[in-house]
Amino acid sequence: MALPPQNPPVQRHRVIIPNKHGEKLVGTLHESGTRDIVILCHGFRCTKDTNLILNLAVALENAKISSFRFDFSGNGESEGLFQFGNYWTEVDDLHAVAQHFHESNRVISAIVGHSKGGGVVLLYASKYSDIKTVVNLSGRYDMKAGIEEHLGKDYLERIRRDGFIDVKKRRSGNLS
């Protein structure tokens, strides 16, 4: 009696991709043996190892779909300085990742972003037309409230006066 063919086990590989500034973006490739791949983007003050992103990658593994989760520059293991905002920098990081997989003859079947990453994938789709499926999970829709919550109502006045805002962590966990 012949045994049914076995699916190859999922393999996880650390992958480093340079962004346009020469910084190393560090990610984990969940290789399921498919040509198609889904790219996962984390949210604000999170990393590729955040439970939600890791659970998404494992769910895709279980469905035999390859995925790649990575840290935006200035986050997690990736090089660069953390910055508040910087959506377009993260779009550039995502573009570097997408280009890497396009050049590796992979088909990016979707980009998925959670929270801030949800905004990044939407901005990416507004600038590029190379990925047809874009998934925004719990992305912000009213950025003014979030900025005022983190930086204070007078943030624009302080930027005009001082030229910058010093962001530091308060005991409550909020930024000031």
C-alpha atoms as a PDB file:
ATOM      1  CA  MET A   1       0.000   0.000   0.000  1.00  0.00           C
ATOM      2  CA  ALA A   2       1.456   3.344  -1.083  1.00  0.00           C
ATOM      3  CA  LEU A   3       1.494   6.216   1.359  1.00  0.00           C
ATOM      4  CA  PRO A   4       0.049   9.540   0.217  1.00  0.00           C
ATOM      5  CA  PRO A   5       2.660  12.158  -0.728  1.00  0.00           C
ATOM      6  CA  GLN A   6       3.809  14.207   2.219  1.00  0.00           C
ATOM      7  CA  ASN A   7       3.879  17.980   2.139  1.00  0.00           C
ATOM      8  CA  PRO A   8       7.321  19.334   2.893  1.00  0.00           C
ATOM      9  CA  PRO A   9       7.531  20.786   6.391  1.00  0.00           C
ATOM     10  CA  VAL A  10       7.466  24.559   6.743  1.00  0.00           C
ATOM     11  CA  GLN A  11      10.914  26.010   7.136  1.00  0.00           C
ATOM     12  CA  ARG A  12      11.701  29.328   8.764  1.00  0.00           C
ATOM     13  CA  HIS A  13      14.633  31.386   7.556  1.00  0.00           C
ATOM     14  CA  ARG A  14      16.072  34.666   8.773  1.00  0.00           C
ATOM     15  CA  VAL A  15      16.293  37.061   5.818  1.00  0.00           C
ATOM     16  CA  ILE A  16      18.042  40.433   5.709  1.00  0.00           C
ATOM     17  CA  ILE A  17      17.016  42.926   3.025  1.00  0.00           C
ATOM     18  CA  PRO A  18      18.626  46.366   2.595  1.00  0.00           C
ATOM     19  CA  ASN A  19      16.286  49.344   2.334  1.00  0.00           C
ATOM     20  CA  LYS A  20      16.971  52.354   0.107  1.00  0.00           C
ATOM     21  CA  HIS A  21      19.039  53.956   2.901  1.00  0.00           C
ATOM     22  CA  GLY A  22      21.325  50.917   3.191  1.00  0.00           C
ATOM     23  CA  GLU A  23      19.808  49.869   6.530  1.00  0.00           C
ATOM     24  CA  LYS A  24      19.264  46.154   7.111  1.00  0.00           C
ATOM     25  CA  LEU A  25      15.622  45.091   7.433  1.00  0.00           C
ATOM     26  CA  VAL A  26      15.437  41.828   9.359  1.00  0.00           C
ATOM     27  CA  GLY A  27      12.641  39.373   8.757  1.00  0.00           C
ATOM     28  CA  THR A  28      11.531  35.767   9.002  1.00  0.00           C
ATOM     29  CA  LEU A  29      10.497  33.821   5.926  1.00  0.00           C
ATOM     30  CA  HIS A  30       7.958  31.078   6.600  1.00  0.00           C
ATOM     31  CA  GLU A  31       8.673  28.885   3.590  1.00  0.00           C
ATOM     32  CA  SER A  32       5.822  26.531   2.746  1.00  0.00           C
ATOM     33  CA  GLY A  33       7.198  25.542  -0.658  1.00  0.00           C
ATOM     34  CA  THR A  34       4.869  27.805  -2.645  1.00  0.00           C
ATOM     35  CA  ARG A  35       5.829  30.465  -5.178  1.00  0.00           C
ATOM     36  CA  ASP A  36       3.154  32.775  -3.737  1.00  0.00           C
ATOM     37  CA  ILE A  37       3.951  34.717  -0.595  1.00  0.00           C
ATOM     38  CA  VAL A  38       2.120  37.057   1.783  1.00  0.00           C
ATOM     39  CA  ILE A  39       4.018  39.950   3.405  1.00  0.00           C
ATOM     40  CA  LEU A  40       3.014  40.848   6.974  1.00  0.00           C
ATOM     41  CA  CYS A  41       3.527  44.360   8.401  1.00  0.00           C
ATOM     42  CA  HIS A  42       3.479  45.146  12.134  1.00  0.00           C
ATOM     43  CA  GLY A  43       2.005  48.165  13.894  1.00  0.00           C
ATOM     44  CA  PHE A  44       3.347  51.071  15.935  1.00  0.00           C
ATOM     45  CA  ARG A  45       5.800  50.156  18.709  1.00  0.00           C
ATOM     46  CA  CYS A  46       5.568  46.495  17.679  1.00  0.00           C
ATOM     47  CA  THR A  47       7.785  44.057  15.802  1.00  0.00           C
ATOM     48  CA  LYS A  48       7.609  41.087  13.488  1.00  0.00           C
ATOM     49  CA  ASP A  49       7.450  38.941  16.646  1.00  0.00           C
ATOM     50  CA  THR A  50       4.269  40.534  18.014  1.00  0.00           C
ATOM     51  CA  ASN A  51       1.743  37.799  18.817  1.00  0.00           C
ATOM     52  CA  LEU A  52      -0.768  38.918  16.202  1.00  0.00           C
ATOM     53  CA  ILE A  53       1.803  38.945  13.374  1.00  0.00           C
ATOM     54  CA  LEU A  54       3.348  35.655  14.502  1.00  0.00           C
ATOM     55  CA  ASN A  55      -0.109  34.045  14.777  1.00  0.00           C
ATOM     56  CA  LEU A  56      -0.969  35.228  11.251  1.00  0.00           C
ATOM     57  CA  ALA A  57       2.251  33.686   9.932  1.00  0.00           C
ATOM     58  CA  VAL A  58       1.490  30.380  11.678  1.00  0.00           C
ATOM     59  CA  ALA A  59      -2.093  30.380  10.345  1.00  0.00           C
ATOM     60  CA  LEU A  60      -0.712  30.895   6.834  1.00  0.00           C
ATOM     61  CA  GLU A  61       1.791  28.069   7.458  1.00  0.00           C
ATOM     62  CA  ASN A  62      -1.104  25.794   8.422  1.00  0.00           C
ATOM     63  CA  ALA A  63      -2.832  26.740   5.152  1.00  0.00           C
ATOM     64  CA  LYS A  64       0.432  25.913   3.279  1.00  0.00           C
ATOM     65  CA  ILE A  65       0.967  29.565   2.287  1.00  0.00           C
ATOM     66  CA  SER A  66       4.436  31.091   2.525  1.00  0.00           C
ATOM     67  CA  SER A  67       4.757  34.398   4.356  1.00  0.00           C
ATOM     68  CA  PHE A  68       7.345  36.958   5.338  1.00  0.00           C
ATOM     69  CA  ARG A  69       7.200  39.079   8.481  1.00  0.00           C
ATOM     70  CA  PHE A  70       9.792  41.796   9.029  1.00  0.00           C
ATOM     71  CA  ASP A  71      10.706  44.725  11.250  1.00  0.00           C
ATOM     72  CA  PHE A  72      10.416  48.192   9.729  1.00  0.00           C
ATOM     73  CA  SER A  73      13.600  50.267  10.036  1.00  0.00           C
ATOM     74  CA  GLY A  74      14.146  51.507  13.585  1.00  0.00           C
ATOM     75  CA  ASN A  75      12.009  48.681  15.015  1.00  0.00           C
ATOM     76  CA  GLY A  76      12.877  45.265  16.420  1.00  0.00           C
ATOM     77  CA  GLU A  77      16.018  43.804  14.900  1.00  0.00           C
ATOM     78  CA  SER A  78      16.160  46.127  11.885  1.00  0.00           C
ATOM     79  CA  GLU A  79      18.682  48.921  11.634  1.00  0.00           C
ATOM     80  CA  GLY A  80      17.787  52.597  11.720  1.00  0.00           C
ATOM     81  CA  LEU A  81      16.370  55.045  14.220  1.00  0.00           C
ATOM     82  CA  PHE A  82      12.831  54.744  15.553  1.00  0.00           C
ATOM     83  CA  GLN A  83      10.692  57.694  14.499  1.00  0.00           C
ATOM     84  CA  PHE A  84       7.136  58.690  15.341  1.00  0.00           C
ATOM     85  CA  GLY A  85       5.042  58.849  12.175  1.00  0.00           C
ATOM     86  CA  ASN A  86       7.364  58.127   9.236  1.00  0.00           C
ATOM     87  CA  TYR A  87       4.670  56.311   7.233  1.00  0.00           C
ATOM     88  CA  TRP A  88       6.379  56.990   3.914  1.00  0.00           C
ATOM     89  CA  THR A  89       9.694  55.630   5.211  1.00  0.00           C
ATOM     90  CA  GLU A  90       7.880  52.417   6.111  1.00  0.00           C
ATOM     91  CA  VAL A  91       6.270  52.383   2.641  1.00  0.00           C
ATOM     92  CA  ASP A  92       9.834  52.555   1.256  1.00  0.00           C
ATOM     93  CA  ASP A  93      10.837  49.655   3.525  1.00  0.00           C
ATOM     94  CA  LEU A  94       7.866  47.614   2.305  1.00  0.00           C
ATOM     95  CA  HIS A  95       8.817  48.452  -1.291  1.00  0.00           C
ATOM     96  CA  ALA A  96      12.372  47.158  -0.675  1.00  0.00           C
ATOM     97  CA  VAL A  97      10.894  43.907   0.685  1.00  0.00           C
ATOM     98  CA  ALA A  98       8.481  43.588  -2.249  1.00  0.00           C
ATOM     99  CA  GLN A  99      11.298  44.207  -4.746  1.00  0.00           C
ATOM    100  CA  HIS A 100      13.413  41.535  -3.055  1.00  0.00           C
ATOM    101  CA  PHE A 101      10.686  38.935  -3.491  1.00  0.00           C
ATOM    102  CA  HIS A 102       9.801  40.068  -7.039  1.00  0.00           C
ATOM    103  CA  GLU A 103      13.486  39.669  -7.969  1.00  0.00           C
ATOM    104  CA  SER A 104      13.422  36.192  -6.367  1.00  0.00           C
ATOM    105  CA  ASN A 105      10.599  35.240  -8.766  1.00  0.00           C
ATOM    106  CA  ARG A 106       8.031  35.113  -5.995  1.00  0.00           C
ATOM    107  CA  VAL A 107       4.440  36.199  -6.495  1.00  0.00           C
ATOM    108  CA  ILE A 108       3.290  38.475  -3.690  1.00  0.00           C
ATOM    109  CA  SER A 109      -0.330  37.453  -3.340  1.00  0.00           C
ATOM    110  CA  ALA A 110      -1.095  39.972  -0.573  1.00  0.00           C
ATOM    111  CA  ILE A 111       0.304  42.538   1.818  1.00  0.00           C
ATOM    112  CA  VAL A 112      -1.277  42.527   5.268  1.00  0.00           C
ATOM    113  CA  GLY A 113      -0.793  45.310   7.788  1.00  0.00           C
ATOM    114  CA  HIS A 114      -1.997  45.605  11.368  1.00  0.00           C
ATOM    115  CA  SER A 115      -2.679  48.953  13.059  1.00  0.00           C
ATOM    116  CA  LYS A 116      -0.036  51.391  11.755  1.00  0.00           C
ATOM    117  CA  GLY A 117       1.041  48.678   9.319  1.00  0.00           C
ATOM    118  CA  GLY A 118      -2.531  48.794   7.973  1.00  0.00           C
ATOM    119  CA  GLY A 119      -2.015  52.426   7.032  1.00  0.00           C
ATOM    120  CA  VAL A 120       1.364  51.592   5.492  1.00  0.00           C
ATOM    121  CA  VAL A 121      -0.087  48.904   3.199  1.00  0.00           C
ATOM    122  CA  LEU A 122      -2.815  51.313   2.039  1.00  0.00           C
ATOM    123  CA  LEU A 123      -0.255  54.025   1.278  1.00  0.00           C
ATOM    124  CA  TYR A 124       1.859  51.436  -0.535  1.00  0.00           C
ATOM    125  CA  ALA A 125      -1.122  50.487  -2.705  1.00  0.00           C
ATOM    126  CA  SER A 126      -1.766  54.172  -3.454  1.00  0.00           C
ATOM    127  CA  LYS A 127       1.789  54.563  -4.784  1.00  0.00           C
ATOM    128  CA  TYR A 128       2.488  51.186  -6.416  1.00  0.00           C
ATOM    129  CA  SER A 129       0.289  48.847  -8.421  1.00  0.00           C
ATOM    130  CA  ASP A 130       2.324  45.639  -8.177  1.00  0.00           C
ATOM    131  CA  ILE A 131       0.303  43.914  -5.415  1.00  0.00           C
ATOM    132  CA  LYS A 132      -3.400  43.418  -6.011  1.00  0.00           C
ATOM    133  CA  THR A 133      -4.578  42.263  -2.559  1.00  0.00           C
ATOM    134  CA  VAL A 134      -4.165  44.637   0.371  1.00  0.00           C
ATOM    135  CA  VAL A 135      -5.463  43.797   3.851  1.00  0.00           C
ATOM    136  CA  ASN A 136      -5.776  46.505   6.521  1.00  0.00           C
ATOM    137  CA  LEU A 137      -6.340  45.024  10.004  1.00  0.00           C
ATOM    138  CA  SER A 138      -7.458  47.616  12.568  1.00  0.00           C
ATOM    139  CA  GLY A 139      -5.739  50.494  10.794  1.00  0.00           C
ATOM    140  CA  ARG A 140      -6.191  54.032  12.138  1.00  0.00           C
ATOM    141  CA  TYR A 141      -8.631  56.293  10.354  1.00  0.00           C
ATOM    142  CA  ASP A 142      -8.334  59.545  12.360  1.00  0.00           C
ATOM    143  CA  MET A 143      -4.671  60.301  12.778  1.00  0.00           C
ATOM    144  CA  LYS A 144      -5.184  63.750  14.348  1.00  0.00           C
ATOM    145  CA  ALA A 145      -6.629  62.254  17.532  1.00  0.00           C
ATOM    146  CA  GLY A 146      -3.760  59.792  17.806  1.00  0.00           C
ATOM    147  CA  ILE A 147      -1.100  62.429  17.338  1.00  0.00           C
ATOM    148  CA  GLU A 148      -2.687  64.776  19.888  1.00  0.00           C
ATOM    149  CA  GLU A 149      -3.061  61.861  22.309  1.00  0.00           C
ATOM    150  CA  HIS A 150       0.653  61.040  22.043  1.00  0.00           C
ATOM    151  CA  LEU A 151       2.185  64.486  21.578  1.00  0.00           C
ATOM    152  CA  GLY A 152      -0.312  66.890  23.158  1.00  0.00           C
ATOM    153  CA  LYS A 153      -2.723  69.400  21.617  1.00  0.00           C
ATOM    154  CA  ASP A 154       0.015  72.013  21.144  1.00  0.00           C
ATOM    155  CA  TYR A 155       2.336  69.712  19.170  1.00  0.00           C
ATOM    156  CA  LEU A 156       2.309  71.854  15.992  1.00  0.00           C
ATOM    157  CA  GLU A 157       3.048  75.022  17.973  1.00  0.00           C
ATOM    158  CA  ARG A 158       5.992  73.296  19.704  1.00  0.00           C
ATOM    159  CA  ILE A 159       7.346  72.034  16.365  1.00  0.00           C
ATOM    160  CA  ARG A 160       7.141  75.535  14.861  1.00  0.00           C
ATOM    161  CA  ARG A 161       8.782  77.076  17.937  1.00  0.00           C
ATOM    162  CA  ASP A 162      11.469  74.440  18.627  1.00  0.00           C
ATOM    163  CA  GLY A 163      11.786  72.687  15.283  1.00  0.00           C
ATOM    164  CA  PHE A 164      11.222  69.261  16.874  1.00  0.00           C
ATOM    165  CA  ILE A 165       9.353  67.368  19.576  1.00  0.00           C
ATOM    166  CA  ASP A 166      11.230  65.347  22.157  1.00  0.00           C
ATOM    167  CA  VAL A 167       9.390  62.022  22.478  1.00  0.00           C
ATOM    168  CA  LYS A 168       9.927  60.183  25.743  1.00  0.00           C
ATOM    169  CA  LYS A 169       8.033  57.485  27.600  1.00  0.00           C
ATOM    170  CA  ARG A 170       5.867  58.465  30.563  1.00  0.00           C
ATOM    171  CA  ARG A 171       5.096  56.130  33.471  1.00  0.00           C
ATOM    172  CA  SER A 172       1.568  55.636  32.166  1.00  0.00           C
ATOM    173  CA  GLY A 173       2.992  54.212  28.956  1.00  0.00           C
ATOM    174  CA  ASN A 174       1.927  57.177  26.831  1.00  0.00           C
ATOM    175  CA  LEU A 175       4.382  59.199  24.832  1.00  0.00           C
ATOM    176  CA  SER A 176       4.908  62.889  25.495  1.00  0.00           C
END
